[in-house]
Structure formats: structure tokens, C-alpha cells
Amino acid sequence: MGTRLSLQDKLEKLLGSKNVYYQPPESLKMNYPAIRYSVSDIDIDYGDNTSYLKNKAYDIVVIDKMPDNPVIEKILSLPYSSFERHYVYDNLNHDIIKLYY
């Protein structure tokens, strides 16, 4: 799996803009459409009394005024991704995707 910075780069390319935010503070004003992401889990495989493989899971939130932004399908085409849920808040659509990267 790649680093967080390589994930940042990949998400920016998929979205087609720099509106990709890693754990942004509450005071940051985001521009839309946007992607907000954060680490949600670390899957650790053990062997011989030690951890030998660590895979981070990220919650990726696609935020847009449009209910079906094409970047959602692009992210879901990445390996180890799954759709979690959709909700609307403040007239913005939020689609949450879990991605192991």
C-alpha cells in the first residue's frame, strides 16, 4: 500500500482539483466539490509474535452539491474500496467510501 501523500496525489487527480483535505480543522473553509479524508482504522497482521503488515483504512467523504459526482465511481474502482453511506447536510451531498491504502 502507498503513503498518505501518494493517496493525496491520487485523490487530487481523480477529483481534478486541489480541493482534497486531510483531517481539516473546523475553521477551514472548503471549496466544493471536495474530498475530505481521514484514517479510520489500521488493519494489522501478526506472525511470530510481531506485526508484519499494517494497512491503513481511510474514510473518504466526497462532498458536492450534485448528488452523483463522477469521482465517486472513480474512487470505487480503486482496489480495496467500498461504499459506506450517503447523507445530505447543509444542502451538500456527502458520500462516504472506505479505502484501504
Protein backbone atom coordinates (compact mmCIF):
# COMPACT_ATOMS: atom_id res chain seq x y z
CA MET A 1 0.00 0.00 0.00
CA GLY A 2 1.05 3.58 -0.56
CA THR A 3 1.73 6.55 1.67
CA ARG A 4 -0.80 9.17 2.70
CA LEU A 5 0.86 11.71 0.41
CA SER A 6 0.55 9.38 -2.59
CA LEU A 7 -3.15 8.94 -1.68
CA GLN A 8 -3.50 12.74 -1.55
CA ASP A 9 -2.00 13.00 -5.03
CA LYS A 10 -4.23 10.23 -6.40
CA LEU A 11 -7.39 11.82 -4.95
CA GLU A 12 -6.46 15.23 -6.39
CA LYS A 13 -6.02 13.66 -9.84
CA LEU A 14 -9.33 11.78 -9.60
CA LEU A 15 -11.20 14.91 -8.46
CA GLY A 16 -9.41 17.14 -10.97
CA SER A 17 -8.66 19.85 -8.41
CA LYS A 18 -6.69 20.58 -5.23
CA ASN A 19 -9.88 20.57 -3.09
CA VAL A 20 -8.71 17.48 -1.19
CA TYR A 21 -8.38 17.91 2.57
CA TYR A 22 -6.77 15.57 5.11
CA GLN A 23 -8.35 15.97 8.54
CA PRO A 24 -9.13 19.68 8.02
CA PRO A 25 -9.73 21.87 11.09
CA GLU A 26 -13.26 23.16 11.73
CA SER A 27 -12.14 26.71 10.89
CA LEU A 28 -11.05 25.82 7.33
CA LYS A 29 -13.45 26.93 4.60
CA MET A 30 -13.56 24.18 1.99
CA ASN A 31 -14.30 24.76 -1.69
CA TYR A 32 -16.72 22.34 -3.38
CA PRO A 33 -16.74 19.81 -4.89
CA ALA A 34 -14.28 18.49 -2.36
CA ILE A 35 -12.88 15.36 -0.80
CA ARG A 36 -12.25 15.17 2.94
CA TYR A 37 -10.47 12.11 4.28
CA SER A 38 -9.04 10.72 7.49
CA VAL A 39 -7.63 7.50 8.91
CA SER A 40 -10.41 5.33 10.34
CA ASP A 41 -8.63 2.04 11.09
CA ILE A 42 -5.32 0.21 10.85
CA ASP A 43 -5.50 -3.48 9.98
CA ILE A 44 -2.50 -5.29 11.46
CA ASP A 45 -1.42 -8.81 10.56
CA TYR A 46 0.68 -10.64 13.13
CA GLY A 47 3.09 -13.51 12.84
CA ASP A 48 5.87 -14.84 15.04
CA ASN A 49 4.73 -12.58 17.91
CA THR A 50 5.25 -9.39 15.90
CA SER A 51 3.28 -7.24 13.46
CA TYR A 52 4.48 -7.65 9.91
CA LEU A 53 1.83 -5.93 7.81
CA LYS A 54 -0.12 -2.74 8.54
CA ASN A 55 -2.81 -1.44 6.18
CA LYS A 56 -4.49 1.88 6.90
CA ALA A 57 -8.17 2.35 6.19
CA TYR A 58 -9.34 5.83 5.22
CA ASP A 59 -12.84 7.26 5.33
CA ILE A 60 -13.12 9.32 2.16
CA VAL A 61 -16.01 11.77 2.02
CA VAL A 62 -16.96 13.21 -1.36
CA ILE A 63 -18.83 16.48 -0.77
CA ASP A 64 -20.72 18.16 -3.58
CA LYS A 65 -23.95 19.96 -4.45
CA MET A 66 -24.56 17.30 -7.11
CA PRO A 67 -25.91 14.04 -5.71
CA ASP A 68 -23.89 11.83 -8.06
CA ASN A 69 -20.42 13.25 -8.59
CA PRO A 70 -18.48 11.08 -11.11
CA VAL A 71 -15.45 10.94 -8.79
CA ILE A 72 -17.41 8.52 -6.57
CA GLU A 73 -17.29 5.84 -9.28
CA LYS A 74 -13.61 6.58 -9.90
CA ILE A 75 -12.74 6.06 -6.23
CA LEU A 76 -14.86 2.91 -6.08
CA SER A 77 -12.85 1.50 -8.98
CA LEU A 78 -9.71 1.54 -6.80
CA PRO A 79 -8.76 -1.78 -5.16
CA TYR A 80 -9.97 -2.33 -1.58
CA SER A 81 -12.66 0.35 -1.69
CA SER A 82 -16.29 0.04 -0.60
CA PHE A 83 -19.25 2.37 -0.40
CA GLU A 84 -20.36 3.04 3.18
CA ARG A 85 -23.28 5.52 3.09
CA HIS A 86 -24.78 8.72 1.69
CA TYR A 87 -26.32 11.64 3.55
CA VAL A 88 -27.26 15.27 2.92
CA TYR A 89 -26.21 18.03 5.29
CA ASP A 90 -26.46 21.78 4.72
CA ASN A 91 -27.69 21.19 1.13
CA LEU A 92 -24.48 19.30 0.34
CA ASN A 93 -24.32 15.61 -0.59
CA HIS A 94 -21.85 13.51 1.37
CA ASP A 95 -20.79 10.08 0.08
CA ILE A 96 -18.55 8.06 2.36
CA ILE A 97 -16.20 5.47 0.91
CA LYS A 98 -13.84 3.25 2.90
CA LEU A 99 -10.49 2.69 1.21
CA TYR A 100 -7.58 0.56 2.38
CA TYR A 101 -4.44 2.19 1.05
